[in-house]
N, C-alpha and C. Protein backbone atom coordinates (compact mmCIF):
# COMPACT_ATOMS: atom_id res chain seq x y z
N MET A 1 25.35 34.21 -91.72
CA MET A 1 26.39 33.84 -91.90
C MET A 1 26.19 33.37 -94.57
N LEU A 2 27.43 33.51 -94.31
CA LEU A 2 27.77 33.00 -95.95
C LEU A 2 27.80 31.66 -96.58
N ASN A 3 27.78 30.99 -96.90
CA ASN A 3 27.99 29.82 -98.10
C ASN A 3 28.93 29.09 -98.38
N ALA A 4 30.21 27.93 -97.75
CA ALA A 4 31.50 28.91 -98.46
C ALA A 4 31.00 28.34 -99.64
N PRO A 5 32.15 28.79 -100.89
CA PRO A 5 32.13 27.59 -102.06
C PRO A 5 33.33 27.08 -102.44
N ASP A 6 33.12 26.59 -103.11
CA ASP A 6 32.92 25.32 -103.54
C ASP A 6 34.58 25.24 -104.59
N LEU A 7 34.72 26.79 -104.49
CA LEU A 7 37.08 25.91 -104.30
C LEU A 7 36.99 25.61 -103.79
N ALA A 8 37.89 25.00 -104.15
CA ALA A 8 38.96 23.87 -102.75
C ALA A 8 40.38 24.74 -102.89
N PRO A 9 41.15 24.82 -101.55
CA PRO A 9 41.43 25.78 -100.73
C PRO A 9 42.98 25.20 -100.86
N ASP A 10 43.01 26.55 -101.27
CA ASP A 10 45.18 25.95 -101.72
C ASP A 10 45.78 25.51 -100.28
N LEU A 11 45.66 25.99 -99.24
CA LEU A 11 46.31 24.97 -98.23
C LEU A 11 45.43 25.80 -97.16
N GLU A 12 45.31 24.52 -95.87
CA GLU A 12 44.15 24.43 -95.43
C GLU A 12 44.65 24.75 -93.48
N PHE A 13 44.47 24.53 -92.63
CA PHE A 13 44.79 24.41 -91.42
C PHE A 13 43.29 23.97 -90.17
N GLU A 14 43.54 23.32 -89.93
CA GLU A 14 42.81 22.75 -88.86
C GLU A 14 42.67 22.69 -87.40
N VAL A 15 42.17 23.87 -86.83
CA VAL A 15 41.90 24.20 -85.74
C VAL A 15 41.06 23.51 -84.93
N ASP A 16 41.30 24.06 -83.00
CA ASP A 16 40.38 22.92 -82.61
C ASP A 16 40.17 22.20 -82.41
N ARG A 17 41.46 20.87 -82.38
CA ARG A 17 41.50 20.06 -82.37
C ARG A 17 40.93 19.55 -80.68
N GLU A 18 41.20 20.22 -80.19
CA GLU A 18 40.29 19.45 -78.94
C GLU A 18 39.83 20.86 -78.30
N HIS A 19 38.58 21.10 -78.77
CA HIS A 19 37.17 21.27 -79.15
C HIS A 19 36.37 20.68 -77.89
N SER A 20 35.79 21.59 -77.43
CA SER A 20 34.87 21.36 -76.31
C SER A 20 33.79 19.85 -76.11
N GLY A 21 33.51 18.90 -77.41
CA GLY A 21 33.16 17.22 -77.40
C GLY A 21 34.44 16.65 -76.75
N ILE A 22 35.14 16.73 -77.60
CA ILE A 22 36.45 15.82 -76.82
C ILE A 22 36.49 16.38 -75.32
N ARG A 23 36.66 17.26 -74.93
CA ARG A 23 37.17 17.71 -73.54
C ARG A 23 35.56 16.65 -72.62
N MET A 24 34.48 17.00 -73.57
CA MET A 24 33.27 16.16 -72.28
C MET A 24 33.38 15.04 -72.43
N VAL A 25 33.54 14.26 -72.69
CA VAL A 25 33.14 12.84 -73.36
C VAL A 25 35.07 12.19 -72.26
N GLY A 26 36.05 13.37 -72.34
CA GLY A 26 36.88 12.53 -71.70
C GLY A 26 36.49 12.89 -70.03
N CYS A 27 35.80 13.92 -69.85
CA CYS A 27 35.22 14.04 -68.52
C CYS A 27 35.04 12.95 -67.74
N PHE A 28 33.76 12.17 -69.40
CA PHE A 28 32.50 11.57 -68.89
C PHE A 28 33.13 10.16 -68.71
N THR A 29 34.60 9.95 -69.73
CA THR A 29 35.04 8.61 -69.54
C THR A 29 36.06 8.30 -68.18
N PHE A 30 36.36 9.46 -67.27
CA PHE A 30 37.29 9.32 -66.65
C PHE A 30 35.99 9.00 -65.33
N ILE A 31 35.00 9.56 -65.66
CA ILE A 31 34.20 9.37 -64.46
C ILE A 31 33.55 8.14 -64.43
N PHE A 32 32.49 7.82 -65.41
CA PHE A 32 32.18 6.05 -65.74
C PHE A 32 33.10 5.31 -65.61
N GLY A 33 34.56 5.13 -66.04
CA GLY A 33 35.36 4.57 -66.28
C GLY A 33 35.96 4.35 -64.70
N ALA A 34 35.96 4.93 -63.30
CA ALA A 34 36.64 5.24 -62.16
C ALA A 34 35.20 4.01 -61.89
N PHE A 35 34.49 4.89 -62.10
CA PHE A 35 32.66 3.38 -61.32
C PHE A 35 32.84 2.40 -61.78
N VAL A 36 32.55 2.58 -62.57
CA VAL A 36 32.45 0.80 -63.66
C VAL A 36 33.99 0.09 -63.34
N SER A 37 35.11 0.77 -62.82
CA SER A 37 36.78 -0.27 -62.70
C SER A 37 36.25 -0.79 -60.78
N TYR A 38 35.94 0.68 -60.81
CA TYR A 38 35.93 -0.11 -59.19
C TYR A 38 35.03 -0.93 -58.49
N PHE A 39 33.75 -0.82 -59.23
CA PHE A 39 32.65 -2.33 -58.58
C PHE A 39 33.25 -3.35 -59.85
N LEU A 40 33.87 -3.35 -60.39
CA LEU A 40 34.11 -4.48 -60.98
C LEU A 40 35.77 -4.95 -60.15
N ILE A 41 36.51 -4.66 -60.11
CA ILE A 41 36.99 -4.89 -58.88
C ILE A 41 37.04 -5.46 -57.71
N SER A 42 36.05 -4.65 -56.42
CA SER A 42 35.75 -5.13 -55.33
C SER A 42 34.66 -5.67 -55.77
N SER A 43 34.15 -6.73 -57.25
CA SER A 43 33.56 -7.82 -57.04
C SER A 43 34.56 -9.20 -56.94
N LEU A 44 35.84 -8.26 -57.90
CA LEU A 44 36.70 -10.13 -57.54
C LEU A 44 37.75 -9.51 -56.46
N LEU A 45 37.55 -8.34 -55.87
CA LEU A 45 38.80 -8.27 -54.30
C LEU A 45 37.41 -7.81 -53.51
N PRO A 46 36.55 -8.23 -52.71
CA PRO A 46 36.15 -7.57 -51.32
C PRO A 46 36.53 -6.66 -50.54
N GLN A 47 37.96 -7.36 -50.37
CA GLN A 47 38.69 -6.22 -48.79
C GLN A 47 40.11 -6.10 -49.26
N GLY A 48 39.61 -5.40 -51.36
CA GLY A 48 40.76 -4.38 -51.62
C GLY A 48 41.29 -3.04 -51.15
N GLY A 49 39.70 -2.53 -50.58
CA GLY A 49 40.21 -1.17 -50.29
C GLY A 49 40.58 -0.06 -51.41
N LEU A 50 41.16 -0.19 -50.45
CA LEU A 50 42.37 1.25 -51.48
C LEU A 50 43.23 0.61 -52.28
N ILE A 51 43.71 -0.65 -52.47
CA ILE A 51 44.40 -1.42 -53.55
C ILE A 51 42.82 -1.02 -55.10
N SER A 52 41.92 -1.32 -54.39
CA SER A 52 40.54 -1.22 -55.26
C SER A 52 40.79 0.24 -56.16
N ILE A 53 40.81 1.01 -54.95
CA ILE A 53 39.98 2.50 -55.78
C ILE A 53 41.30 2.87 -56.38
N GLY A 54 42.34 2.57 -55.53
CA GLY A 54 43.89 2.80 -57.21
C GLY A 54 44.19 2.31 -58.11
N ALA A 55 43.33 0.85 -58.38
CA ALA A 55 42.94 0.58 -59.38
C ALA A 55 42.24 1.22 -60.56
N ALA A 56 41.86 0.91 -59.76
CA ALA A 56 39.86 1.99 -60.15
C ALA A 56 40.93 3.06 -61.21
N LEU A 57 41.19 4.28 -60.77
CA LEU A 57 41.66 5.58 -60.47
C LEU A 57 42.88 5.31 -62.43
N PHE A 58 43.76 3.99 -61.73
CA PHE A 58 44.99 3.68 -62.85
C PHE A 58 43.49 3.53 -64.29
N LEU A 59 43.08 2.77 -64.31
CA LEU A 59 42.11 2.59 -65.06
C LEU A 59 41.10 3.28 -65.83
N ALA A 60 40.96 4.28 -65.07
CA ALA A 60 40.10 5.14 -66.46
C ALA A 60 40.63 6.14 -65.97
N VAL A 61 42.25 6.32 -65.87
CA VAL A 61 43.12 7.00 -66.30
C VAL A 61 43.76 7.19 -67.57
N GLY A 62 43.46 5.56 -68.22
CA GLY A 62 43.71 4.87 -69.46
C GLY A 62 42.92 4.86 -70.03
N LEU A 63 42.29 4.55 -70.23
CA LEU A 63 40.60 5.12 -70.71
C LEU A 63 40.02 6.31 -71.22
N THR A 64 40.50 6.69 -70.03
CA THR A 64 40.26 8.65 -70.95
C THR A 64 41.64 9.01 -72.08
N TYR A 65 43.09 8.31 -71.54
CA TYR A 65 43.57 8.69 -72.89
C TYR A 65 43.25 8.41 -74.11
N GLY A 66 42.82 6.68 -73.63
CA GLY A 66 42.74 5.93 -74.62
C GLY A 66 41.34 7.09 -76.32
N ALA A 67 40.19 7.46 -75.10
CA ALA A 67 39.21 8.07 -75.76
C ALA A 67 39.46 9.66 -75.84
N ASP A 68 40.30 10.22 -75.20
CA ASP A 68 41.08 10.98 -76.09
C ASP A 68 42.33 11.37 -77.28
N TYR A 69 42.63 9.83 -77.15
CA TYR A 69 43.20 9.53 -78.91
C TYR A 69 42.36 9.18 -80.19
N LEU A 70 41.27 8.70 -79.91
CA LEU A 70 40.10 7.90 -79.93
C LEU A 70 39.42 9.14 -81.28
N THR A 71 38.96 10.05 -79.76
CA THR A 71 38.38 11.51 -80.34
C THR A 71 38.86 12.54 -81.34
N LYS A 72 39.76 12.33 -80.80
CA LYS A 72 40.99 13.51 -81.59
C LYS A 72 41.22 13.54 -83.37
N ARG A 73 40.97 12.06 -83.03
CA ARG A 73 41.86 11.83 -84.47
C ARG A 73 40.32 11.29 -85.62
N TYR A 74 38.58 10.81 -85.27
CA TYR A 74 38.28 10.77 -85.48
C TYR A 74 37.45 12.05 -85.75
N TRP A 75 37.05 12.89 -84.34
CA TRP A 75 35.95 13.82 -84.16
C TRP A 75 36.79 15.29 -84.77
N PRO A 76 36.62 15.53 -85.77
CA PRO A 76 37.71 16.92 -86.48
C PRO A 76 36.43 17.87 -85.53
N SER A 77 36.76 19.29 -85.68
CA SER A 77 36.09 20.48 -84.96
C SER A 77 34.81 20.62 -86.33
N ASN A 78 35.75 20.84 -87.25
CA ASN A 78 35.54 20.84 -88.83
C ASN A 78 35.54 22.37 -89.43
N ARG A 79 36.35 22.75 -87.89
CA ARG A 79 36.22 24.19 -88.54
C ARG A 79 38.26 24.48 -88.93
N THR A 80 37.98 24.83 -89.82
CA THR A 80 39.57 25.53 -90.90
C THR A 80 40.14 26.79 -91.19
N ILE A 81 41.19 27.19 -91.14
CA ILE A 81 41.86 28.33 -91.93
C ILE A 81 42.05 27.98 -93.02
N GLN A 82 41.44 28.78 -94.33
CA GLN A 82 41.95 27.72 -95.33
C GLN A 82 42.06 29.85 -96.40
N PHE A 83 42.98 29.37 -97.72
CA PHE A 83 43.59 30.54 -98.25
C PHE A 83 43.33 29.81 -99.43
N ALA A 84 42.79 30.79 -100.09
CA ALA A 84 42.13 29.84 -101.45
C ALA A 84 42.23 31.51 -102.19
N GLY A 85 42.43 31.46 -103.35
CA GLY A 85 42.89 32.54 -103.85
C GLY A 85 43.79 33.26 -103.65
N ASP A 86 42.92 34.82 -102.91
CA ASP A 86 43.64 35.92 -102.66
C ASP A 86 42.46 35.93 -101.81
N MET A 87 41.65 35.17 -101.53
CA MET A 87 40.70 34.81 -99.73
C MET A 87 41.15 34.40 -99.13
N ILE A 88 41.34 35.11 -97.81
CA ILE A 88 41.98 33.96 -96.57
C ILE A 88 40.15 34.38 -95.72
N LYS A 89 40.18 32.45 -95.16
CA LYS A 89 38.93 32.22 -94.45
C LYS A 89 39.20 31.12 -93.26
N LEU A 90 37.93 31.59 -92.39
CA LEU A 90 37.70 30.73 -91.17
C LEU A 90 36.27 30.02 -91.67
N VAL A 91 36.47 28.97 -92.13
CA VAL A 91 35.01 27.60 -92.74
C VAL A 91 34.99 27.29 -90.54
N ASN A 92 33.56 27.03 -90.86
CA ASN A 92 32.49 26.44 -90.07
C ASN A 92 31.92 25.08 -90.78
N GLY A 93 32.23 24.16 -91.15
CA GLY A 93 32.08 23.46 -92.05
C GLY A 93 31.27 23.79 -93.46
N SER A 94 30.43 24.15 -93.60
CA SER A 94 29.94 24.77 -95.03
C SER A 94 29.47 25.96 -94.71
N LYS A 95 30.50 26.64 -93.73
CA LYS A 95 29.67 27.83 -93.40
C LYS A 95 30.83 28.92 -92.95
N ILE A 96 31.06 30.25 -93.84
CA ILE A 96 32.02 30.65 -93.61
C ILE A 96 31.96 32.39 -92.33
N GLN A 97 32.38 31.74 -91.35
CA GLN A 97 32.95 32.39 -89.81
C GLN A 97 33.49 33.93 -90.13
N GLY A 98 34.59 34.21 -91.63
CA GLY A 98 35.76 35.49 -91.29
C GLY A 98 35.61 34.94 -92.57
N ALA A 99 35.43 36.21 -93.64
CA ALA A 99 37.22 36.09 -94.94
C ALA A 99 37.51 37.68 -94.99
N ILE A 100 38.92 37.38 -95.25
CA ILE A 100 39.65 38.31 -95.68
C ILE A 100 40.15 38.21 -96.73
N ASP A 101 40.20 39.54 -97.83
CA ASP A 101 40.40 39.65 -99.17
C ASP A 101 42.71 40.47 -98.93
N ALA A 102 42.89 39.13 -99.44
CA ALA A 102 44.80 39.22 -99.35
C ALA A 102 44.78 40.73 -99.88
N GLU A 103 44.05 40.85 -101.14
CA GLU A 103 44.55 41.81 -101.65
C GLU A 103 45.07 43.17 -101.24
N GLN A 104 43.70 42.71 -100.58
CA GLN A 104 43.58 44.98 -99.96
C GLN A 104 44.17 45.14 -99.11
N ASN A 105 44.47 46.47 -97.74
CA ASN A 105 44.93 46.12 -97.25
C ASN A 105 44.58 45.72 -96.07
N VAL A 106 45.11 44.35 -95.12
CA VAL A 106 45.03 43.67 -93.88
C VAL A 106 45.84 44.28 -92.70
N ASN A 107 44.81 44.47 -91.75
CA ASN A 107 45.46 45.15 -90.07
C ASN A 107 45.99 43.80 -89.43
N LEU A 108 46.76 44.42 -88.88
CA LEU A 108 47.71 42.94 -87.95
C LEU A 108 47.86 43.56 -86.78
N LEU A 109 47.61 42.16 -85.50
CA LEU A 109 47.23 42.75 -84.42
C LEU A 109 48.09 41.52 -84.21
N MET A 110 48.87 41.62 -82.86
CA MET A 110 49.29 41.05 -82.36
C MET A 110 49.43 40.81 -81.13
N TRP A 111 49.27 39.69 -80.29
CA TRP A 111 48.96 39.98 -78.61
C TRP A 111 49.45 38.74 -77.42
N HIS A 112 49.82 38.67 -76.49
CA HIS A 112 49.48 37.38 -75.97
C HIS A 112 49.67 37.48 -74.24
N PHE A 113 49.37 36.87 -73.29
CA PHE A 113 48.59 37.06 -72.38
C PHE A 113 49.13 35.02 -71.36
N GLU A 114 49.67 36.22 -70.05
CA GLU A 114 49.57 34.34 -69.51
C GLU A 114 48.10 33.61 -68.74
N ALA A 115 48.08 32.58 -69.70
CA ALA A 115 46.93 32.03 -69.51
C ALA A 115 46.55 31.38 -68.09
N ARG A 116 46.07 32.22 -67.44
CA ARG A 116 45.81 31.21 -66.10
C ARG A 116 44.66 30.64 -65.99
N ARG A 117 44.31 30.14 -64.49
CA ARG A 117 43.70 29.53 -64.18
C ARG A 117 42.56 28.19 -65.36
N HIS A 118 43.95 27.79 -65.91
CA HIS A 118 43.40 26.88 -67.27
C HIS A 118 43.91 25.77 -67.21
N PRO A 119 42.86 24.66 -66.62
CA PRO A 119 42.86 23.18 -66.55
C PRO A 119 44.47 22.56 -67.92
N ARG A 120 44.54 22.92 -68.12
CA ARG A 120 44.80 22.17 -69.37
C ARG A 120 46.46 22.18 -69.97
N VAL A 121 46.76 23.79 -68.79
CA VAL A 121 48.16 24.69 -69.52
C VAL A 121 48.78 24.66 -68.02
N PRO A 122 50.04 24.34 -68.42
CA PRO A 122 51.19 24.71 -66.98
C PRO A 122 50.86 25.65 -66.44
N LYS A 123 51.27 25.73 -65.26
CA LYS A 123 51.56 27.59 -64.85
C LYS A 123 52.66 28.34 -65.33
N GLY A 124 52.05 29.34 -65.95
CA GLY A 124 53.32 30.32 -66.34
C GLY A 124 53.15 30.70 -68.03
N TRP A 125 52.11 29.40 -68.88
CA TRP A 125 52.73 29.63 -70.37
C TRP A 125 52.21 30.46 -70.72
N TYR A 126 51.51 31.20 -72.27
CA TYR A 126 50.48 32.24 -72.86
C TYR A 126 49.98 31.56 -73.68
N VAL A 127 48.87 32.57 -73.29
CA VAL A 127 47.90 32.85 -74.63
C VAL A 127 48.54 33.23 -75.77
N VAL A 128 49.22 33.06 -77.17
CA VAL A 128 49.44 34.01 -78.01
C VAL A 128 48.25 33.85 -78.95
N ALA A 129 48.38 35.24 -79.65
CA ALA A 129 47.63 35.47 -80.75
C ALA A 129 47.68 36.60 -81.43
N ASN A 130 46.53 36.42 -82.53
CA ASN A 130 47.26 37.52 -83.91
C ASN A 130 45.46 37.61 -84.63
N ALA A 131 45.71 39.06 -84.80
CA ALA A 131 44.42 39.08 -85.68
C ALA A 131 44.43 39.89 -87.12
N LEU A 132 43.41 39.07 -87.83
CA LEU A 132 43.85 39.97 -89.18
C LEU A 132 42.16 40.80 -89.40
N GLU A 133 42.45 41.77 -89.26
CA GLU A 133 41.11 42.72 -89.70
C GLU A 133 41.51 43.52 -90.99
N GLN A 134 40.00 43.89 -91.60
CA GLN A 134 39.80 44.39 -92.30
C GLN A 134 39.25 45.17 -92.33
N ASP A 135 38.20 45.91 -92.10
CA ASP A 135 36.65 46.60 -92.86
C ASP A 135 36.12 46.45 -91.50
N GLY A 136 36.59 46.12 -89.59
CA GLY A 136 36.28 45.04 -89.24
C GLY A 136 34.99 43.82 -89.44
N GLU A 137 36.51 43.19 -89.83
CA GLU A 137 36.44 41.87 -90.45
C GLU A 137 37.64 40.98 -89.91
N TYR A 138 37.12 40.35 -88.91
CA TYR A 138 38.33 39.49 -88.02
C TYR A 138 38.82 38.29 -88.28
N ILE A 139 39.82 37.95 -88.36
CA ILE A 139 39.65 36.52 -88.56
C ILE A 139 41.49 36.22 -87.49
N VAL A 140 40.57 35.64 -86.01
CA VAL A 140 41.65 35.85 -84.73
C VAL A 140 42.08 33.75 -85.37
N ALA A 141 43.32 33.84 -84.72
CA ALA A 141 44.03 32.63 -84.90
C ALA A 141 44.64 32.81 -83.41
N TYR A 142 44.98 31.38 -82.32
CA TYR A 142 45.77 31.80 -81.48
C TYR A 142 46.85 30.19 -81.27
N SER A 143 47.80 30.34 -79.63
CA SER A 143 47.70 29.18 -79.36
C SER A 143 48.56 29.57 -77.81
N ILE A 144 48.74 28.32 -77.68
CA ILE A 144 49.14 27.71 -76.47
C ILE A 144 50.48 27.57 -75.48
N VAL A 145 51.59 28.32 -75.25
CA VAL A 145 53.39 28.09 -75.20
C VAL A 145 53.70 28.40 -74.49
N SER A 146 55.08 27.63 -74.25
CA SER A 146 55.54 27.53 -72.75
C SER A 146 56.71 29.05 -73.61
N PRO A 147 56.88 30.44 -72.27
CA PRO A 147 57.55 31.64 -72.30
C PRO A 147 58.29 31.90 -73.47
N THR A 148 59.36 29.99 -73.14
CA THR A 148 60.53 29.85 -74.05
C THR A 148 60.20 29.86 -74.82
N ASP A 149 59.15 29.00 -75.45
CA ASP A 149 58.74 28.56 -77.19
C ASP A 149 58.41 29.90 -77.74
N PHE A 150 57.89 31.11 -76.73
CA PHE A 150 57.06 31.92 -77.29
C PHE A 150 57.80 32.97 -78.03
N GLN A 151 59.85 32.65 -77.16
CA GLN A 151 60.64 33.08 -77.62
C GLN A 151 61.23 33.80 -78.93
N ALA A 152 60.22 31.83 -79.38
CA ALA A 152 61.14 31.79 -80.45
C ALA A 152 60.18 31.82 -81.90
N MET A 153 59.07 32.45 -81.40
CA MET A 153 57.65 32.36 -82.41
C MET A 153 58.37 33.16 -83.41
N PRO A 154 57.91 33.68 -84.58
CA PRO A 154 57.72 34.31 -85.54
C PRO A 154 56.79 35.63 -84.98
N LEU A 155 57.76 37.02 -85.29
CA LEU A 155 57.20 38.04 -85.13
C LEU A 155 57.21 38.36 -83.50
N SER A 156 57.63 37.13 -82.63
CA SER A 156 56.86 37.53 -81.27
C SER A 156 57.30 38.78 -80.87
N ARG A 157 58.62 39.66 -81.58
CA ARG A 157 58.87 40.76 -80.72
C ARG A 157 57.82 42.39 -81.66
N LEU A 158 56.80 41.82 -82.14
CA LEU A 158 56.13 42.63 -82.39
C LEU A 158 54.48 42.41 -81.47
N SER A 159 54.72 41.27 -80.94
CA SER A 159 53.88 40.74 -79.96
C SER A 159 52.87 41.66 -78.74
N VAL A 160 51.93 42.36 -78.43
CA VAL A 160 51.76 43.26 -77.50
C VAL A 160 51.26 42.50 -76.00
N GLN A 161 51.94 42.96 -74.58
CA GLN A 161 51.56 42.01 -73.32
C GLN A 161 49.88 42.24 -73.65
N TYR A 162 49.19 42.15 -74.03
CA TYR A 162 47.19 42.21 -73.06
C TYR A 162 47.16 41.80 -72.04
N GLN A 163 47.10 42.86 -71.10
CA GLN A 163 46.23 43.30 -69.65
C GLN A 163 45.28 43.27 -69.71
N ARG A 164 44.47 42.72 -69.23
CA ARG A 164 42.94 43.20 -68.61
C ARG A 164 42.52 44.29 -68.44
N LYS A 165 42.30 45.84 -67.75
CA LYS A 165 42.56 46.28 -66.81
C LYS A 165 41.64 47.05 -66.25
N LYS A 166 40.80 47.72 -65.29
CA LYS A 166 39.76 48.34 -65.36
C LYS A 166 39.98 50.02 -65.83
N LYS A 167 39.54 50.90 -65.81
CA LYS A 167 39.71 52.03 -65.62
C LYS A 167 40.00 52.57 -64.91
N ARG A 168 41.36 53.25 -64.36
CA ARG A 168 41.85 54.31 -62.89
C ARG A 168 41.80 55.34 -63.44
N LYS A 169 41.56 56.56 -62.63
CA LYS A 169 41.13 57.68 -63.04
C LYS A 169 42.96 57.99 -63.54
N ASN A 170 43.75 57.76 -63.30
CA ASN A 170 44.79 58.49 -64.47
C ASN A 170 45.41 57.82 -65.51
N ASP A 171 43.97 56.73 -66.32
CA ASP A 171 43.56 56.90 -67.36
C ASP A 171 43.99 57.42 -68.65
N ASP A 172 43.32 58.54 -68.33
CA ASP A 172 43.02 59.74 -69.39
C ASP A 172 44.12 60.41 -69.32
N GLY A 173 45.10 60.62 -69.34
CA GLY A 173 46.00 61.20 -69.21
C GLY A 173 47.23 60.25 -69.66
N ARG A 174 47.09 59.63 -70.03
CA ARG A 174 48.20 58.64 -70.83
C ARG A 174 48.24 58.44 -72.13
N ASP A 175 48.72 57.92 -72.48
CA ASP A 175 49.82 58.60 -74.38
C ASP A 175 48.19 57.73 -74.86
N LEU A 176 47.20 58.55 -76.20
CA LEU A 176 46.42 58.71 -77.05
C LEU A 176 47.02 57.08 -77.91
N ARG A 177 48.09 57.44 -78.19
CA ARG A 177 48.24 56.45 -79.16
C ARG A 177 47.95 54.02 -78.56
N GLN A 178 48.74 54.84 -77.42
CA GLN A 178 49.16 53.52 -76.26
C GLN A 178 47.62 53.00 -76.06
N ALA A 179 46.65 53.84 -75.73
CA ALA A 179 45.10 53.88 -75.39
C ALA A 179 44.34 53.14 -76.48
N GLY A 180 45.15 53.83 -78.19
CA GLY A 180 44.28 53.27 -79.03
C GLY A 180 44.27 51.78 -79.49
N ALA A 181 45.75 51.70 -79.02
CA ALA A 181 45.90 50.13 -79.52
C ALA A 181 46.06 48.97 -78.94
N HIS A 182 45.22 49.73 -77.10
CA HIS A 182 45.21 48.84 -76.32
C HIS A 182 43.69 48.32 -76.98
N ARG A 183 42.68 49.82 -77.16
CA ARG A 183 41.20 49.10 -77.45
C ARG A 183 41.26 48.43 -78.77
N ARG A 184 42.13 48.86 -79.45
CA ARG A 184 42.17 47.22 -81.05
C ARG A 184 42.36 46.44 -79.35
N ILE A 185 43.26 46.11 -79.61
CA ILE A 185 43.36 44.58 -78.70
C ILE A 185 42.58 44.18 -78.86
N ALA A 186 42.00 45.06 -77.09
CA ALA A 186 40.75 44.17 -76.39
C ALA A 186 39.24 44.15 -77.25
N GLN A 187 39.45 44.55 -78.50
CA GLN A 187 37.82 44.35 -79.60
C GLN A 187 38.22 42.99 -80.00
N ALA A 188 39.86 42.80 -81.06
CA ALA A 188 40.24 41.69 -81.22
C ALA A 188 40.20 40.45 -79.99
N GLU A 189 40.54 40.95 -78.63
CA GLU A 189 40.59 39.53 -77.50
C GLU A 189 38.91 38.74 -77.88
N PHE A 190 38.05 40.54 -77.95
CA PHE A 190 37.05 40.28 -77.73
C PHE A 190 36.58 38.36 -78.59
N HIS A 191 37.42 38.95 -80.39
CA HIS A 191 36.79 38.05 -80.88
C HIS A 191 37.32 36.97 -81.00
N ARG A 192 38.75 36.80 -80.98
CA ARG A 192 39.34 34.84 -79.82
C ARG A 192 38.28 34.96 -78.96
N GLY A 193 37.79 35.72 -78.22
CA GLY A 193 36.70 34.82 -77.20
C GLY A 193 35.27 34.01 -77.98
N GLU A 194 35.33 34.67 -79.00
CA GLU A 194 33.64 34.02 -79.76
C GLU A 194 34.29 33.39 -81.21
N LEU A 195 35.26 33.36 -81.72
CA LEU A 195 35.31 32.65 -82.83
C LEU A 195 36.75 32.16 -82.98
N GLY A 196 37.72 32.42 -81.71
CA GLY A 196 39.03 32.32 -82.32
C GLY A 196 39.24 31.04 -82.55
N ALA A 197 40.73 31.11 -83.77
CA ALA A 197 40.57 29.48 -83.90
C ALA A 197 41.50 29.57 -83.06
N GLU A 198 42.39 27.97 -82.67
CA GLU A 198 42.70 27.55 -81.85
C GLU A 198 43.81 26.44 -82.64
N MET A 199 45.46 27.25 -82.59
CA MET A 199 45.75 25.71 -83.50
C MET A 199 46.64 24.86 -82.03
N SER A 200 47.27 24.02 -83.23
CA SER A 200 48.41 23.43 -82.43
C SER A 200 50.42 24.68 -82.33
N GLN A 201 50.49 24.90 -81.52
CA GLN A 201 52.12 25.29 -81.73
C GLN A 201 52.47 24.87 -82.78
N GLU A 202 53.22 23.56 -83.55
CA GLU A 202 53.53 23.52 -84.08
C GLU A 202 52.74 24.68 -86.36
N ASP A 203 51.32 24.18 -85.76
CA ASP A 203 50.38 24.74 -87.62
C ASP A 203 50.52 25.97 -87.03
N TYR A 204 50.64 26.84 -85.66
CA TYR A 204 50.64 28.17 -86.03
C TYR A 204 51.96 28.70 -85.92
N HIS A 205 53.14 28.26 -85.73
CA HIS A 205 54.00 28.67 -86.74
C HIS A 205 54.05 28.52 -87.83
N ALA A 206 53.86 27.54 -88.28
CA ALA A 206 53.60 27.51 -90.12
C ALA A 206 52.73 27.91 -90.70
N TYR A 207 51.63 28.63 -90.07
CA TYR A 207 50.49 30.15 -90.01
C TYR A 207 51.77 31.42 -90.13
N LEU A 208 51.77 31.52 -89.79
CA LEU A 208 52.53 32.97 -89.31
C LEU A 208 53.85 33.04 -90.99
N ASP A 209 54.65 31.87 -90.87
CA ASP A 209 55.49 32.02 -91.47
C ASP A 209 54.91 32.05 -92.71
N TYR A 210 53.31 30.89 -92.79
CA TYR A 210 53.58 31.56 -94.83
C TYR A 210 52.62 32.64 -94.78
N LEU A 211 51.84 33.33 -93.71
CA LEU A 211 51.39 34.98 -94.48
C LEU A 211 52.58 35.51 -94.21
N ALA A 212 53.67 35.22 -93.80
CA ALA A 212 54.83 36.48 -93.95
C ALA A 212 55.80 36.57 -95.43
N ASP A 213 55.70 34.77 -96.23
CA ASP A 213 56.09 34.46 -97.21
C ASP A 213 55.25 35.01 -98.29
N THR A 214 53.89 35.07 -98.05
CA THR A 214 52.78 35.23 -98.78
C THR A 214 52.26 36.73 -99.13
N TYR A 215 52.63 37.08 -98.18
CA TYR A 215 51.71 38.29 -98.11
C TYR A 215 52.99 39.49 -97.56
N THR A 216 53.27 40.01 -98.27
CA THR A 216 54.81 40.62 -98.40
C THR A 216 54.33 42.48 -98.16
N SER A 217 53.46 42.76 -99.14
CA SER A 217 53.25 44.31 -98.87
C SER A 217 52.09 44.72 -97.62
N TRP A 218 51.01 43.72 -96.66
CA TRP A 218 51.00 44.09 -94.84
C TRP A 218 51.44 43.28 -94.36
N MET A 219 51.66 41.99 -94.20
CA MET A 219 52.99 41.25 -93.31
C MET A 219 54.11 40.97 -92.99
N PRO A 220 54.53 41.75 -91.80
CA PRO A 220 56.00 42.47 -91.63
C PRO A 220 56.55 40.76 -91.72
N LYS A 221 58.17 41.16 -91.71
CA LYS A 221 59.00 39.85 -92.12
C LYS A 221 59.26 39.77 -90.41
N ASP A 222 60.16 38.99 -90.19
CA ASP A 222 60.27 38.09 -89.34
C ASP A 222 61.46 39.04 -88.18
N LYS A 223 62.27 39.31 -89.62
CA LYS A 223 63.30 40.06 -89.19
C LYS A 223 64.15 40.93 -90.12
């Protein structure tokens, strides 16, 4: 990893606002809050029964929402996507996790897939992602949106529906260009799993708009 330069960025997007530490605090707050609330309520209402249990769960949910609000506000992930001069960087504190020279040619990959078995995501919603790739270096940003919101996303027409599939016997006969595109997206999806930067829907939209408005030589227009 390279040390981040002292140059102040022209623009930056905070990413991973709901990082793993926040989710862990929320989980422990709910469990601890439910236990303590039930103990206190039971001591005041020994015959409370189901009422005590319901009240304890209600208080635990309230405590969890409060903890979630405070941790999101005061415990940032320290990861940002920064635009500084001609460079686009993914930065974690003082470490650069990815750097793209926007003055040179940059390859754009866009894909989406249904976010299944995800506790924070409604059924049928999409993970939408894009990768800036240059000489094997990646910056991958993504967000989670509803199918309706996905259609309104910038450049949604260029997004490829990605599916993890095992190799089948007739795969050797499929179009070579399609197979190559799938391999590139599969590699970018691997990078998303390793160092992907999760954005809010609003920030993801603004990020794509800024790329399209600023880097016209390699970034396609929305229309």
